Amino acid sequence: MVTRRRLRSVLTALGLYLAAALLVGYFGVNAFTGDYGLNARQNIDQQIAKLSGELAAVNAERALWERRVALLKSESLDPDLLDERARALLDYVDTHDLVLKLKRPDLKRP
């Protein structure tokens, strides 16, 4: 009878330790692989870095276009920019421009 009580107390302690270990293991695994875990945080940090780079590039491009648009406003019209846009849209060439005619490569030859 004494051995059964001792065996039961040892098995109960072992069961409690096992349950605690499983519970800690479950939360440990979820801390790494869960939706809000360490791996997800690394992925989010990588996305933040990538999108920050894209944002910087887009902001630089926007600043460039804002400067060009400001030059086309009637208060500060830049004649060179106006001339450039008119030539591009109308396909005109100035008499002082040099025009180079290049041969097109023959695409039919293998």
Protein backbone atom coordinates (compact mmCIF):
# COMPACT_ATOMS: atom_id res chain seq x y z
CA MET A 1 0.00 0.00 0.00
CA VAL A 2 2.87 2.33 0.74
CA THR A 3 4.38 1.67 -2.67
CA ARG A 4 1.15 2.56 -4.46
CA ARG A 5 0.96 5.91 -2.70
CA ARG A 6 4.58 6.61 -3.49
CA LEU A 7 4.11 5.52 -7.11
CA ARG A 8 0.97 7.66 -7.40
CA SER A 9 2.75 10.71 -5.96
CA VAL A 10 5.72 10.22 -8.31
CA LEU A 11 3.41 9.78 -11.33
CA THR A 12 1.33 12.80 -10.28
CA ALA A 13 4.46 14.95 -9.99
CA LEU A 14 5.72 13.63 -13.31
CA GLY A 15 2.35 14.35 -14.94
CA LEU A 16 2.31 17.89 -13.60
CA TYR A 17 5.86 18.50 -14.82
CA LEU A 18 4.96 17.05 -18.21
CA ALA A 19 1.84 19.22 -18.47
CA ALA A 20 3.83 22.31 -17.49
CA ALA A 21 6.55 21.45 -20.03
CA LEU A 22 3.95 20.98 -22.78
CA LEU A 23 2.30 24.28 -21.90
CA VAL A 24 5.62 26.14 -21.93
CA GLY A 25 6.56 24.39 -25.19
CA TYR A 26 3.27 25.38 -26.79
CA PHE A 27 3.73 29.03 -25.92
CA GLY A 28 7.40 28.88 -26.89
CA VAL A 29 6.60 27.53 -30.35
CA ASN A 30 3.90 30.14 -30.85
CA ALA A 31 6.31 32.87 -29.74
CA PHE A 32 8.51 31.99 -32.72
CA THR A 33 6.05 30.90 -35.41
CA GLY A 34 2.75 32.53 -34.52
CA ASP A 35 1.06 35.45 -36.27
CA TYR A 36 2.73 37.87 -33.86
CA GLY A 37 5.89 35.84 -33.24
CA LEU A 38 9.54 36.58 -33.84
CA ASN A 39 9.56 35.24 -37.42
CA ALA A 40 6.56 37.39 -38.31
CA ARG A 41 8.29 40.41 -36.76
CA GLN A 42 11.38 39.81 -38.90
CA ASN A 43 9.21 39.61 -42.02
CA ILE A 44 7.44 42.82 -41.07
CA ASP A 45 10.79 44.55 -40.46
CA GLN A 46 12.00 43.46 -43.90
CA GLN A 47 8.81 44.76 -45.51
CA ILE A 48 9.20 48.06 -43.64
CA ALA A 49 12.77 48.45 -44.93
CA LYS A 50 11.74 47.63 -48.51
CA LEU A 51 8.74 49.96 -48.46
CA SER A 52 10.78 52.75 -46.85
CA GLY A 53 13.21 52.54 -49.77
CA GLU A 54 10.34 52.67 -52.25
CA LEU A 55 8.84 55.63 -50.39
CA ALA A 56 12.12 57.53 -50.58
CA ALA A 57 12.34 56.89 -54.34
CA VAL A 58 8.74 57.96 -54.90
CA ASN A 59 9.24 61.11 -52.80
CA ALA A 60 12.32 62.01 -54.84
CA GLU A 61 10.40 61.49 -58.09
CA ARG A 62 7.51 63.57 -56.78
CA ALA A 63 9.88 66.40 -55.80
CA LEU A 64 11.35 66.31 -59.31
CA TRP A 65 7.91 66.58 -60.90
CA GLU A 66 6.85 69.32 -58.50
CA ARG A 67 9.90 71.36 -59.53
CA ARG A 68 9.12 70.83 -63.21
CA VAL A 69 5.46 71.76 -62.75
CA ALA A 70 6.47 74.86 -60.80
CA LEU A 71 8.60 75.92 -63.79
CA LEU A 72 5.56 75.66 -66.08
CA LYS A 73 3.32 77.90 -63.93
CA SER A 74 2.49 81.28 -65.37
CA GLU A 75 4.18 83.18 -62.50
CA SER A 76 7.58 81.60 -63.17
CA LEU A 77 7.49 80.25 -66.71
CA ASP A 78 10.84 78.84 -67.84
CA PRO A 79 11.24 79.43 -71.59
CA ASP A 80 13.66 76.53 -72.04
CA LEU A 81 11.28 74.06 -70.46
CA LEU A 82 8.37 75.42 -72.48
CA ASP A 83 10.41 75.09 -75.67
CA GLU A 84 11.42 71.55 -74.75
CA ARG A 85 7.81 70.48 -74.09
CA ALA A 86 6.52 72.14 -77.26
CA ARG A 87 9.13 70.38 -79.39
CA ALA A 88 8.44 67.03 -77.76
CA LEU A 89 4.69 67.32 -78.24
CA LEU A 90 4.74 68.78 -81.76
CA ASP A 91 7.82 66.95 -83.08
CA TYR A 92 9.48 70.19 -84.20
CA VAL A 93 13.19 70.79 -84.66
CA ASP A 94 14.94 74.14 -84.40
CA THR A 95 17.01 75.35 -87.36
CA HIS A 96 20.12 75.42 -85.15
CA ASP A 97 19.72 71.86 -83.94
CA LEU A 98 21.90 69.06 -85.24
CA VAL A 99 19.95 66.01 -86.32
CA LEU A 100 21.64 62.64 -86.61
CA LYS A 101 20.03 59.97 -88.70
CA LEU A 102 20.99 56.51 -87.59
CA LYS A 103 20.59 53.36 -89.59
CA ARG A 104 18.18 50.90 -88.13
CA PRO A 105 19.67 47.50 -87.50
CA ASP A 106 18.38 44.85 -89.84
CA LEU A 107 16.32 42.58 -87.62
CA LYS A 108 15.61 39.99 -90.31
CA ARG A 109 19.13 38.59 -90.35
CA PRO A 110 19.64 35.63 -87.99
